N, C-alpha and C. Protein backbone atom coordinates (compact mmCIF):
# COMPACT_ATOMS: atom_id res chain seq x y z
N UNK A 1 -1.27 25.71 3.34
CA UNK A 1 -1.23 24.53 2.50
C UNK A 1 0.14 23.85 2.57
N UNK A 2 0.13 22.56 2.29
CA UNK A 2 1.36 21.77 2.28
C UNK A 2 1.72 21.49 0.83
N UNK A 3 2.93 21.84 0.44
CA UNK A 3 3.42 21.58 -0.92
C UNK A 3 4.53 20.56 -0.84
N UNK A 4 4.43 19.52 -1.65
CA UNK A 4 5.42 18.46 -1.64
C UNK A 4 6.26 18.52 -2.89
N UNK A 5 7.55 18.37 -2.70
CA UNK A 5 8.46 18.20 -3.82
C UNK A 5 8.84 16.73 -3.81
N UNK A 6 8.40 16.00 -4.80
CA UNK A 6 8.59 14.55 -4.79
C UNK A 6 10.06 14.15 -4.76
N UNK A 7 10.94 14.96 -5.29
CA UNK A 7 12.36 14.63 -5.27
C UNK A 7 12.62 13.30 -5.93
N UNK A 8 13.56 12.55 -5.37
CA UNK A 8 13.93 11.28 -5.99
C UNK A 8 13.41 10.07 -5.22
N UNK A 9 12.67 10.29 -4.12
CA UNK A 9 12.22 9.12 -3.37
C UNK A 9 10.70 9.04 -3.25
N UNK A 10 10.02 10.12 -2.97
CA UNK A 10 8.59 10.06 -2.68
C UNK A 10 7.81 9.74 -3.95
N UNK A 11 7.30 8.53 -4.05
CA UNK A 11 6.47 8.14 -5.19
C UNK A 11 7.22 7.86 -6.46
N UNK A 12 8.53 7.76 -6.40
CA UNK A 12 9.29 7.54 -7.62
C UNK A 12 9.79 6.12 -7.77
N UNK A 13 9.64 5.30 -6.77
CA UNK A 13 10.05 3.92 -6.87
C UNK A 13 11.40 3.61 -6.26
N UNK A 14 12.07 4.60 -5.69
CA UNK A 14 13.40 4.34 -5.15
C UNK A 14 13.40 3.93 -3.68
N UNK A 15 12.27 4.04 -2.99
CA UNK A 15 12.18 3.61 -1.59
C UNK A 15 12.33 2.10 -1.51
N UNK A 16 13.00 1.59 -0.48
CA UNK A 16 13.29 0.15 -0.37
C UNK A 16 12.02 -0.70 -0.39
N UNK A 17 10.97 -0.28 0.31
CA UNK A 17 9.74 -1.08 0.32
C UNK A 17 9.08 -1.07 -1.06
N UNK A 18 9.21 0.04 -1.77
CA UNK A 18 8.68 0.11 -3.13
C UNK A 18 9.43 -0.85 -4.03
N UNK A 19 10.74 -0.89 -3.88
CA UNK A 19 11.55 -1.80 -4.69
C UNK A 19 11.14 -3.26 -4.47
N UNK A 20 10.84 -3.62 -3.22
CA UNK A 20 10.40 -4.99 -2.95
C UNK A 20 9.06 -5.28 -3.62
N UNK A 21 8.14 -4.32 -3.60
CA UNK A 21 6.87 -4.51 -4.30
C UNK A 21 7.08 -4.66 -5.80
N UNK A 22 7.99 -3.86 -6.34
CA UNK A 22 8.26 -3.95 -7.77
C UNK A 22 8.86 -5.30 -8.14
N UNK A 23 9.74 -5.81 -7.28
CA UNK A 23 10.30 -7.14 -7.52
C UNK A 23 9.19 -8.19 -7.52
N UNK A 24 8.26 -8.07 -6.57
CA UNK A 24 7.14 -8.99 -6.52
C UNK A 24 6.24 -8.84 -7.74
N UNK A 25 6.01 -7.61 -8.15
CA UNK A 25 5.19 -7.36 -9.33
C UNK A 25 5.83 -7.97 -10.57
N UNK A 26 7.13 -7.80 -10.73
CA UNK A 26 7.83 -8.39 -11.86
C UNK A 26 7.78 -9.92 -11.81
N UNK A 27 7.94 -10.47 -10.63
CA UNK A 27 7.98 -11.92 -10.49
C UNK A 27 6.62 -12.55 -10.74
N UNK A 28 5.55 -11.91 -10.27
CA UNK A 28 4.25 -12.56 -10.30
C UNK A 28 3.28 -12.03 -11.34
N UNK A 29 3.60 -10.93 -11.99
CA UNK A 29 2.70 -10.39 -13.00
C UNK A 29 3.01 -11.01 -14.35
N UNK A 30 2.03 -11.69 -14.89
CA UNK A 30 2.20 -12.29 -16.21
C UNK A 30 1.88 -11.22 -17.25
N UNK A 31 2.80 -10.96 -18.19
CA UNK A 31 2.50 -9.97 -19.23
C UNK A 31 1.19 -10.32 -19.95
N UNK A 32 0.45 -9.28 -20.25
CA UNK A 32 -0.82 -9.48 -20.93
C UNK A 32 -2.00 -9.70 -20.00
N UNK A 33 -1.78 -9.62 -18.68
CA UNK A 33 -2.84 -9.85 -17.71
C UNK A 33 -3.19 -8.54 -16.98
N UNK A 34 -4.40 -8.45 -16.41
CA UNK A 34 -4.82 -7.23 -15.70
C UNK A 34 -4.26 -7.16 -14.27
N UNK A 35 -3.99 -5.92 -13.83
CA UNK A 35 -3.40 -5.65 -12.52
C UNK A 35 -4.25 -4.59 -11.80
N UNK A 36 -4.39 -4.76 -10.47
CA UNK A 36 -5.07 -3.78 -9.62
C UNK A 36 -4.08 -3.25 -8.61
N UNK A 37 -4.04 -1.93 -8.45
CA UNK A 37 -3.17 -1.28 -7.46
C UNK A 37 -4.05 -0.60 -6.43
N UNK A 38 -4.03 -1.12 -5.19
CA UNK A 38 -4.83 -0.57 -4.10
C UNK A 38 -4.02 0.46 -3.33
N UNK A 39 -4.50 1.70 -3.28
CA UNK A 39 -3.74 2.78 -2.66
C UNK A 39 -2.67 3.26 -3.62
N UNK A 40 -3.07 3.55 -4.85
CA UNK A 40 -2.12 3.81 -5.93
C UNK A 40 -1.40 5.15 -5.83
N UNK A 41 -1.91 6.08 -5.00
CA UNK A 41 -1.22 7.35 -4.86
C UNK A 41 -1.05 8.07 -6.18
N UNK A 42 0.20 8.41 -6.52
CA UNK A 42 0.50 9.14 -7.74
C UNK A 42 0.51 8.26 -8.99
N UNK A 43 0.20 6.97 -8.85
CA UNK A 43 0.09 6.09 -10.00
C UNK A 43 1.38 5.48 -10.50
N UNK A 44 2.43 5.61 -9.71
CA UNK A 44 3.75 5.14 -10.16
C UNK A 44 3.73 3.64 -10.44
N UNK A 45 3.16 2.84 -9.53
CA UNK A 45 3.12 1.39 -9.73
C UNK A 45 2.22 1.01 -10.91
N UNK A 46 1.18 1.78 -11.13
CA UNK A 46 0.30 1.51 -12.27
C UNK A 46 1.07 1.66 -13.57
N UNK A 47 1.82 2.75 -13.69
CA UNK A 47 2.61 2.96 -14.90
C UNK A 47 3.69 1.90 -15.04
N UNK A 48 4.29 1.51 -13.92
CA UNK A 48 5.32 0.47 -13.95
C UNK A 48 4.73 -0.86 -14.44
N UNK A 49 3.56 -1.22 -13.94
CA UNK A 49 2.92 -2.47 -14.37
C UNK A 49 2.61 -2.44 -15.86
N UNK A 50 2.08 -1.31 -16.33
CA UNK A 50 1.79 -1.18 -17.77
C UNK A 50 3.07 -1.26 -18.59
N UNK A 51 4.11 -0.59 -18.13
CA UNK A 51 5.40 -0.63 -18.84
C UNK A 51 5.99 -2.03 -18.90
N UNK A 52 5.59 -2.88 -17.94
CA UNK A 52 6.11 -4.25 -17.90
C UNK A 52 5.10 -5.28 -18.42
N UNK A 53 4.17 -4.81 -19.24
CA UNK A 53 3.35 -5.73 -20.00
C UNK A 53 1.95 -6.00 -19.52
N UNK A 54 1.48 -5.37 -18.45
CA UNK A 54 0.11 -5.60 -18.00
C UNK A 54 -0.87 -5.17 -19.10
N UNK A 55 -1.91 -5.97 -19.30
CA UNK A 55 -2.90 -5.66 -20.34
C UNK A 55 -3.74 -4.46 -19.95
N UNK A 56 -4.06 -4.36 -18.67
CA UNK A 56 -4.87 -3.27 -18.15
C UNK A 56 -4.50 -3.09 -16.69
N UNK A 57 -4.57 -1.85 -16.22
CA UNK A 57 -4.23 -1.55 -14.83
C UNK A 57 -5.28 -0.60 -14.28
N UNK A 58 -5.79 -0.92 -13.10
CA UNK A 58 -6.70 -0.01 -12.40
C UNK A 58 -6.02 0.38 -11.10
N UNK A 59 -5.93 1.68 -10.86
CA UNK A 59 -5.39 2.21 -9.61
C UNK A 59 -6.52 2.79 -8.78
N UNK A 60 -6.55 2.43 -7.51
CA UNK A 60 -7.59 2.89 -6.58
C UNK A 60 -6.93 3.71 -5.49
N UNK A 61 -7.49 4.89 -5.21
CA UNK A 61 -7.00 5.69 -4.10
C UNK A 61 -8.14 6.54 -3.58
N UNK A 62 -8.07 6.86 -2.29
CA UNK A 62 -9.10 7.68 -1.66
C UNK A 62 -8.87 9.17 -1.89
N UNK A 63 -7.64 9.55 -2.16
CA UNK A 63 -7.28 10.97 -2.29
C UNK A 63 -7.46 11.46 -3.72
N UNK A 64 -8.36 12.39 -3.90
CA UNK A 64 -8.55 12.98 -5.22
C UNK A 64 -7.31 13.76 -5.66
N UNK A 65 -6.62 14.39 -4.71
CA UNK A 65 -5.40 15.12 -5.07
C UNK A 65 -4.33 14.18 -5.61
N UNK A 66 -4.18 13.01 -4.97
CA UNK A 66 -3.23 12.02 -5.47
C UNK A 66 -3.63 11.56 -6.88
N UNK A 67 -4.92 11.32 -7.06
CA UNK A 67 -5.40 10.84 -8.35
C UNK A 67 -5.26 11.91 -9.44
N UNK A 68 -5.44 13.18 -9.10
CA UNK A 68 -5.22 14.25 -10.08
C UNK A 68 -3.79 14.20 -10.60
N UNK A 69 -2.83 14.04 -9.69
CA UNK A 69 -1.42 13.95 -10.08
C UNK A 69 -1.19 12.68 -10.90
N UNK A 70 -1.78 11.56 -10.48
CA UNK A 70 -1.62 10.31 -11.22
C UNK A 70 -2.14 10.45 -12.65
N UNK A 71 -3.31 11.05 -12.80
CA UNK A 71 -3.88 11.23 -14.14
C UNK A 71 -3.03 12.16 -14.99
N UNK A 72 -2.51 13.21 -14.37
CA UNK A 72 -1.68 14.17 -15.11
C UNK A 72 -0.38 13.53 -15.60
N UNK A 73 0.13 12.54 -14.87
CA UNK A 73 1.40 11.91 -15.21
C UNK A 73 1.24 10.63 -16.03
N UNK A 74 0.01 10.26 -16.35
CA UNK A 74 -0.24 9.00 -17.05
C UNK A 74 -0.68 9.26 -18.48
N UNK A 75 0.03 8.62 -19.41
CA UNK A 75 -0.27 8.79 -20.83
C UNK A 75 -0.42 7.41 -21.49
N UNK A 76 -1.14 6.52 -20.83
CA UNK A 76 -1.30 5.16 -21.30
C UNK A 76 -2.76 4.78 -21.15
N UNK A 77 -3.42 4.48 -22.25
CA UNK A 77 -4.85 4.16 -22.24
C UNK A 77 -5.20 2.88 -21.51
N UNK A 78 -4.20 2.06 -21.16
CA UNK A 78 -4.47 0.82 -20.43
C UNK A 78 -4.66 1.08 -18.93
N UNK A 79 -4.34 2.30 -18.48
CA UNK A 79 -4.40 2.63 -17.06
C UNK A 79 -5.62 3.50 -16.77
N UNK A 80 -6.39 3.10 -15.77
CA UNK A 80 -7.56 3.86 -15.33
C UNK A 80 -7.49 4.01 -13.81
N UNK A 81 -7.98 5.14 -13.33
CA UNK A 81 -7.95 5.42 -11.90
C UNK A 81 -9.37 5.53 -11.35
N UNK A 82 -9.55 5.01 -10.14
CA UNK A 82 -10.85 5.00 -9.48
C UNK A 82 -10.68 5.61 -8.09
N UNK A 83 -11.54 6.56 -7.76
CA UNK A 83 -11.49 7.13 -6.41
C UNK A 83 -12.38 6.31 -5.49
N UNK A 84 -11.79 5.87 -4.38
CA UNK A 84 -12.55 5.12 -3.40
C UNK A 84 -11.65 4.47 -2.38
N UNK A 85 -12.26 4.01 -1.30
CA UNK A 85 -11.53 3.28 -0.27
C UNK A 85 -11.33 1.85 -0.74
N UNK A 86 -10.14 1.30 -0.53
CA UNK A 86 -9.86 -0.04 -1.03
C UNK A 86 -10.77 -1.10 -0.42
N UNK A 87 -11.29 -0.85 0.77
CA UNK A 87 -12.18 -1.82 1.38
C UNK A 87 -13.63 -1.67 0.91
N UNK A 88 -13.90 -0.66 0.06
CA UNK A 88 -15.27 -0.42 -0.39
C UNK A 88 -15.47 -0.53 -1.89
N UNK A 89 -14.42 -0.33 -2.70
CA UNK A 89 -14.60 -0.42 -4.15
C UNK A 89 -14.97 -1.84 -4.54
N UNK A 90 -15.59 -1.99 -5.69
CA UNK A 90 -16.06 -3.31 -6.10
C UNK A 90 -15.70 -3.57 -7.56
N UNK A 91 -15.28 -4.80 -7.82
CA UNK A 91 -14.97 -5.26 -9.17
C UNK A 91 -15.53 -6.67 -9.31
N UNK A 92 -15.78 -7.11 -10.54
CA UNK A 92 -16.27 -8.48 -10.72
C UNK A 92 -15.26 -9.51 -10.21
N UNK A 93 -15.74 -10.67 -9.78
CA UNK A 93 -14.82 -11.71 -9.31
C UNK A 93 -13.78 -12.08 -10.36
N UNK A 94 -12.59 -12.43 -9.89
CA UNK A 94 -11.49 -12.91 -10.73
C UNK A 94 -11.10 -11.92 -11.83
N UNK A 95 -11.19 -10.62 -11.55
CA UNK A 95 -10.87 -9.59 -12.54
C UNK A 95 -9.38 -9.37 -12.75
N UNK A 96 -8.55 -9.75 -11.77
CA UNK A 96 -7.13 -9.39 -11.82
C UNK A 96 -6.24 -10.60 -11.56
N UNK A 97 -5.15 -10.65 -12.31
CA UNK A 97 -4.13 -11.70 -12.10
C UNK A 97 -3.17 -11.31 -10.99
N UNK A 98 -3.03 -10.01 -10.76
CA UNK A 98 -2.15 -9.52 -9.69
C UNK A 98 -2.81 -8.32 -9.03
N UNK A 99 -2.75 -8.30 -7.71
CA UNK A 99 -3.21 -7.15 -6.92
C UNK A 99 -2.01 -6.67 -6.13
N UNK A 100 -1.75 -5.38 -6.20
CA UNK A 100 -0.61 -4.75 -5.55
C UNK A 100 -1.11 -3.70 -4.58
N UNK A 101 -0.42 -3.58 -3.45
CA UNK A 101 -0.70 -2.49 -2.52
C UNK A 101 0.61 -2.12 -1.83
N UNK A 102 1.12 -0.95 -2.13
CA UNK A 102 2.40 -0.52 -1.58
C UNK A 102 2.18 0.57 -0.54
N UNK A 103 2.54 0.26 0.70
CA UNK A 103 2.48 1.22 1.80
C UNK A 103 1.11 1.88 1.95
N UNK A 104 0.06 1.07 1.89
CA UNK A 104 -1.29 1.62 2.03
C UNK A 104 -2.16 0.88 3.04
N UNK A 105 -1.86 -0.38 3.32
CA UNK A 105 -2.74 -1.18 4.19
C UNK A 105 -2.78 -0.69 5.63
N UNK A 106 -1.78 0.07 6.06
CA UNK A 106 -1.82 0.59 7.43
C UNK A 106 -2.79 1.78 7.57
N UNK A 107 -3.46 2.13 6.48
CA UNK A 107 -4.53 3.13 6.55
C UNK A 107 -5.91 2.47 6.63
N UNK A 108 -5.94 1.14 6.67
CA UNK A 108 -7.19 0.38 6.68
C UNK A 108 -7.45 -0.13 8.10
N UNK A 109 -8.65 0.14 8.60
CA UNK A 109 -8.98 -0.27 9.97
C UNK A 109 -9.11 -1.78 10.11
N UNK A 110 -9.79 -2.42 9.17
CA UNK A 110 -10.00 -3.87 9.22
C UNK A 110 -9.40 -4.49 7.96
N UNK A 111 -8.45 -5.39 8.13
CA UNK A 111 -7.78 -6.02 6.99
C UNK A 111 -8.65 -7.08 6.31
N UNK A 112 -9.45 -7.80 7.08
CA UNK A 112 -10.25 -8.89 6.54
C UNK A 112 -11.08 -8.51 5.33
N UNK A 113 -11.83 -7.40 5.37
CA UNK A 113 -12.65 -7.04 4.21
C UNK A 113 -11.84 -6.81 2.93
N UNK A 114 -10.60 -6.35 3.06
CA UNK A 114 -9.75 -6.17 1.88
C UNK A 114 -9.24 -7.53 1.42
N UNK A 115 -8.74 -8.34 2.34
CA UNK A 115 -8.16 -9.63 1.98
C UNK A 115 -9.21 -10.63 1.48
N UNK A 116 -10.46 -10.47 1.88
CA UNK A 116 -11.52 -11.41 1.49
C UNK A 116 -12.08 -11.13 0.10
N UNK A 117 -11.77 -10.01 -0.49
CA UNK A 117 -12.35 -9.66 -1.78
C UNK A 117 -12.01 -10.75 -2.81
N UNK A 118 -12.92 -11.01 -3.72
CA UNK A 118 -12.72 -12.08 -4.70
C UNK A 118 -12.27 -11.56 -6.07
N UNK A 119 -11.62 -10.41 -6.08
CA UNK A 119 -11.16 -9.82 -7.35
C UNK A 119 -10.02 -10.60 -7.97
N UNK A 120 -9.25 -11.26 -7.14
CA UNK A 120 -8.06 -11.96 -7.61
C UNK A 120 -8.46 -13.27 -8.29
N UNK A 121 -7.94 -13.48 -9.50
CA UNK A 121 -8.21 -14.72 -10.23
C UNK A 121 -7.58 -15.90 -9.50
N UNK A 122 -8.16 -17.08 -9.60
CA UNK A 122 -7.54 -18.26 -8.99
C UNK A 122 -6.09 -18.40 -9.47
N UNK A 123 -5.20 -18.60 -8.52
CA UNK A 123 -3.78 -18.69 -8.85
C UNK A 123 -3.10 -17.34 -9.00
N UNK A 124 -3.86 -16.25 -8.83
CA UNK A 124 -3.28 -14.91 -8.93
C UNK A 124 -2.45 -14.58 -7.70
N UNK A 125 -1.81 -13.43 -7.73
CA UNK A 125 -0.89 -13.05 -6.66
C UNK A 125 -1.24 -11.69 -6.07
N UNK A 126 -1.13 -11.61 -4.74
CA UNK A 126 -1.33 -10.37 -3.98
C UNK A 126 0.03 -9.98 -3.43
N UNK A 127 0.56 -8.86 -3.92
CA UNK A 127 1.87 -8.37 -3.50
C UNK A 127 1.64 -7.07 -2.75
N UNK A 128 2.11 -7.01 -1.49
CA UNK A 128 1.90 -5.77 -0.74
C UNK A 128 3.06 -5.50 0.21
N UNK A 129 3.16 -4.24 0.55
CA UNK A 129 4.05 -3.81 1.63
C UNK A 129 3.24 -2.92 2.55
N UNK A 130 3.67 -2.81 3.79
CA UNK A 130 3.02 -1.93 4.75
C UNK A 130 4.09 -1.44 5.72
N UNK A 131 3.78 -0.41 6.45
CA UNK A 131 4.71 0.02 7.48
C UNK A 131 4.83 -1.10 8.50
N UNK A 132 6.04 -1.41 8.91
CA UNK A 132 6.24 -2.49 9.87
C UNK A 132 5.49 -2.15 11.15
N UNK A 133 4.85 -3.15 11.76
CA UNK A 133 4.10 -2.89 13.00
C UNK A 133 4.93 -2.29 14.13
N UNK A 134 6.22 -2.52 14.16
CA UNK A 134 7.06 -1.86 15.17
C UNK A 134 7.04 -0.36 14.94
N UNK A 135 6.93 0.03 13.69
CA UNK A 135 6.91 1.45 13.34
C UNK A 135 5.59 2.11 13.72
N UNK A 136 4.49 1.38 13.61
CA UNK A 136 3.16 1.97 13.89
C UNK A 136 2.68 1.76 15.32
N UNK A 137 3.37 0.93 16.12
CA UNK A 137 2.87 0.50 17.42
C UNK A 137 2.53 1.65 18.36
N UNK A 138 3.49 2.48 18.67
CA UNK A 138 3.28 3.52 19.67
C UNK A 138 2.39 4.64 19.12
N UNK A 139 2.53 4.94 17.86
CA UNK A 139 1.63 5.90 17.24
C UNK A 139 2.27 7.18 16.75
N UNK A 140 3.11 7.80 17.56
CA UNK A 140 3.64 9.11 17.17
C UNK A 140 4.65 9.01 16.03
N UNK A 141 5.27 7.86 15.88
CA UNK A 141 6.29 7.63 14.87
C UNK A 141 7.42 8.65 14.98
N UNK A 142 7.84 8.83 16.20
CA UNK A 142 8.96 9.72 16.52
C UNK A 142 9.94 8.99 17.42
N UNK A 143 11.23 9.26 17.26
CA UNK A 143 12.24 8.72 18.16
C UNK A 143 12.01 9.25 19.57
N UNK A 144 12.32 8.44 20.56
CA UNK A 144 12.28 8.90 21.95
C UNK A 144 13.59 9.64 22.21
N UNK A 145 13.51 10.94 22.55
CA UNK A 145 14.75 11.72 22.69
C UNK A 145 15.36 11.61 24.08
N UNK A 146 16.64 11.73 24.10
CA UNK A 146 17.38 11.78 25.36
C UNK A 146 17.75 13.21 25.68
N UNK A 147 18.63 13.41 26.64
CA UNK A 147 19.10 14.76 26.96
C UNK A 147 19.71 15.41 25.72
N UNK A 148 19.33 16.63 25.50
CA UNK A 148 19.84 17.35 24.33
C UNK A 148 19.10 17.03 23.05
N UNK A 149 18.11 16.15 23.12
CA UNK A 149 17.28 15.86 21.95
C UNK A 149 17.78 14.74 21.05
N UNK A 150 18.92 14.15 21.36
CA UNK A 150 19.44 13.05 20.53
C UNK A 150 18.53 11.83 20.67
N UNK A 151 18.25 11.13 19.56
CA UNK A 151 17.40 9.94 19.64
C UNK A 151 18.02 8.85 20.50
N UNK A 152 17.21 8.32 21.43
CA UNK A 152 17.67 7.22 22.28
C UNK A 152 17.17 5.86 21.77
N UNK A 153 15.87 5.80 21.46
CA UNK A 153 15.30 4.55 20.97
C UNK A 153 13.96 4.83 20.30
N UNK A 154 13.50 3.84 19.56
CA UNK A 154 12.20 3.92 18.90
C UNK A 154 11.17 3.28 19.83
N UNK A 155 10.14 4.01 20.23
CA UNK A 155 9.16 3.44 21.15
C UNK A 155 8.25 2.42 20.46
N UNK A 156 8.03 1.28 21.12
CA UNK A 156 7.11 0.27 20.59
C UNK A 156 5.99 -0.02 21.58
N UNK A 157 5.71 0.95 22.44
CA UNK A 157 4.61 0.81 23.40
C UNK A 157 3.32 0.46 22.65
N UNK A 158 2.48 -0.27 23.28
CA UNK A 158 1.15 -0.63 22.78
C UNK A 158 1.20 -1.53 21.53
N UNK A 159 2.27 -2.29 21.36
CA UNK A 159 2.38 -3.15 20.18
C UNK A 159 1.19 -4.09 20.07
N UNK A 160 0.77 -4.69 21.19
CA UNK A 160 -0.31 -5.68 21.14
C UNK A 160 -1.70 -5.06 21.25
N UNK A 161 -1.77 -3.74 21.32
CA UNK A 161 -3.05 -3.05 21.32
C UNK A 161 -3.27 -2.48 19.92
N UNK A 162 -4.06 -3.17 19.15
CA UNK A 162 -4.28 -2.75 17.77
C UNK A 162 -5.29 -1.61 17.70
N UNK A 163 -5.25 -0.88 16.59
CA UNK A 163 -6.25 0.16 16.38
C UNK A 163 -5.68 1.45 15.85
N UNK A 164 -6.48 2.48 16.01
CA UNK A 164 -6.22 3.80 15.45
C UNK A 164 -5.01 4.45 16.11
N UNK A 165 -4.19 5.10 15.28
CA UNK A 165 -3.06 5.89 15.74
C UNK A 165 -3.05 7.19 14.94
N UNK A 166 -2.55 8.23 15.54
CA UNK A 166 -2.36 9.49 14.83
C UNK A 166 -0.87 9.79 14.81
N UNK A 167 -0.36 10.00 13.62
CA UNK A 167 1.07 10.26 13.45
C UNK A 167 1.26 11.54 12.65
N UNK A 168 2.41 12.16 12.82
CA UNK A 168 2.76 13.32 11.99
C UNK A 168 3.47 12.80 10.75
N UNK A 169 2.99 13.17 9.59
CA UNK A 169 3.59 12.75 8.33
C UNK A 169 3.60 13.95 7.40
N UNK A 170 4.78 14.36 6.99
CA UNK A 170 4.94 15.51 6.11
C UNK A 170 4.23 16.75 6.65
N UNK A 171 4.32 16.93 7.96
CA UNK A 171 3.77 18.12 8.60
C UNK A 171 2.28 18.08 8.89
N UNK A 172 1.64 16.94 8.67
CA UNK A 172 0.19 16.82 8.89
C UNK A 172 -0.09 15.67 9.84
N UNK A 173 -1.20 15.77 10.59
CA UNK A 173 -1.67 14.65 11.38
C UNK A 173 -2.35 13.66 10.45
N UNK A 174 -1.92 12.41 10.52
CA UNK A 174 -2.45 11.36 9.64
C UNK A 174 -2.94 10.21 10.50
N UNK A 175 -4.13 9.70 10.20
CA UNK A 175 -4.68 8.55 10.91
C UNK A 175 -4.20 7.28 10.23
N UNK A 176 -3.62 6.39 11.02
CA UNK A 176 -3.20 5.07 10.57
C UNK A 176 -3.77 4.05 11.53
N UNK A 177 -3.72 2.79 11.12
CA UNK A 177 -4.22 1.72 11.97
C UNK A 177 -3.12 0.70 12.20
N UNK A 178 -2.83 0.48 13.47
CA UNK A 178 -1.79 -0.47 13.84
C UNK A 178 -2.36 -1.88 13.90
N UNK A 179 -1.68 -2.80 13.20
CA UNK A 179 -1.99 -4.23 13.24
C UNK A 179 -0.68 -4.94 13.54
N UNK A 180 -0.72 -5.97 14.36
CA UNK A 180 0.50 -6.72 14.64
C UNK A 180 0.86 -7.57 13.42
N UNK A 181 2.10 -7.99 13.38
CA UNK A 181 2.54 -8.87 12.30
C UNK A 181 1.70 -10.15 12.29
N UNK A 182 1.39 -10.65 13.47
CA UNK A 182 0.54 -11.85 13.57
C UNK A 182 -0.81 -11.62 12.91
N UNK A 183 -1.40 -10.45 13.10
CA UNK A 183 -2.70 -10.15 12.49
C UNK A 183 -2.60 -10.13 10.98
N UNK A 184 -1.55 -9.50 10.44
CA UNK A 184 -1.38 -9.51 8.98
C UNK A 184 -1.31 -10.94 8.46
N UNK A 185 -0.43 -11.74 9.04
CA UNK A 185 -0.22 -13.10 8.55
C UNK A 185 -1.45 -13.97 8.77
N UNK A 186 -2.02 -13.92 9.97
CA UNK A 186 -3.17 -14.76 10.28
C UNK A 186 -4.37 -14.40 9.40
N UNK A 187 -4.58 -13.12 9.15
CA UNK A 187 -5.71 -12.70 8.32
C UNK A 187 -5.52 -13.18 6.88
N UNK A 188 -4.30 -13.13 6.39
CA UNK A 188 -4.03 -13.67 5.05
C UNK A 188 -4.35 -15.16 5.00
N UNK A 189 -3.88 -15.90 5.98
CA UNK A 189 -4.11 -17.35 5.99
C UNK A 189 -5.59 -17.68 6.13
N UNK A 190 -6.29 -16.94 7.00
CA UNK A 190 -7.73 -17.19 7.21
C UNK A 190 -8.57 -16.86 5.99
N UNK A 191 -8.07 -15.99 5.12
CA UNK A 191 -8.83 -15.61 3.93
C UNK A 191 -8.38 -16.38 2.69
N UNK A 192 -7.60 -17.44 2.89
CA UNK A 192 -7.30 -18.36 1.80
C UNK A 192 -6.00 -18.13 1.06
N UNK A 193 -5.18 -17.20 1.51
CA UNK A 193 -3.91 -16.96 0.83
C UNK A 193 -2.86 -17.97 1.24
N UNK A 194 -1.92 -18.20 0.35
CA UNK A 194 -0.75 -19.01 0.62
C UNK A 194 0.44 -18.07 0.56
N UNK A 195 1.22 -18.01 1.62
CA UNK A 195 2.37 -17.10 1.65
C UNK A 195 3.52 -17.67 0.85
N UNK A 196 4.05 -16.89 -0.10
CA UNK A 196 5.20 -17.28 -0.89
C UNK A 196 6.47 -16.65 -0.36
N UNK A 197 6.36 -15.50 0.27
CA UNK A 197 7.52 -14.81 0.81
C UNK A 197 7.05 -13.86 1.90
N UNK A 198 7.96 -13.61 2.87
CA UNK A 198 7.65 -12.70 3.96
C UNK A 198 8.92 -11.95 4.31
């Protein structure tokens, strides 16, 4: 079995990409409005949204183990967790003023079905982060070593070949899906989003 010690970075909000999502959440979440967190993991962003005035928060994650931890760490009746894939769960149209997804979209094979969902209220905001496509391109997510094992460069082979990749993460093989930056942006635009920041 793999045992994780969350320490001060994993799921605690101190990672740089998490901080950017939190800044977006603070900027675009109107207090008193509902929030959806896609790929909520341990529920950290859900608790943060509730602490910053969200009327209700729903966190969605595929991992029951992540959700068990999220439920154990959550003591706020405004927060509810749902087990399911973000591209398959369903909510009534215009249910949320803000939808958040931090470091989870690179686990989704097709972005369109997630981006096309009508859960977001008109004028609402979708704030997300994902692993940069340069990071997911080659697949192994390992430095290319030189003589003696010192890192020489980060491989970006197969950048324009989108699809399934297997990477080692925390000692386990994990399936991720590589999408180019163009695909992220173009899919957002094609599904009716207006980009406020990139």
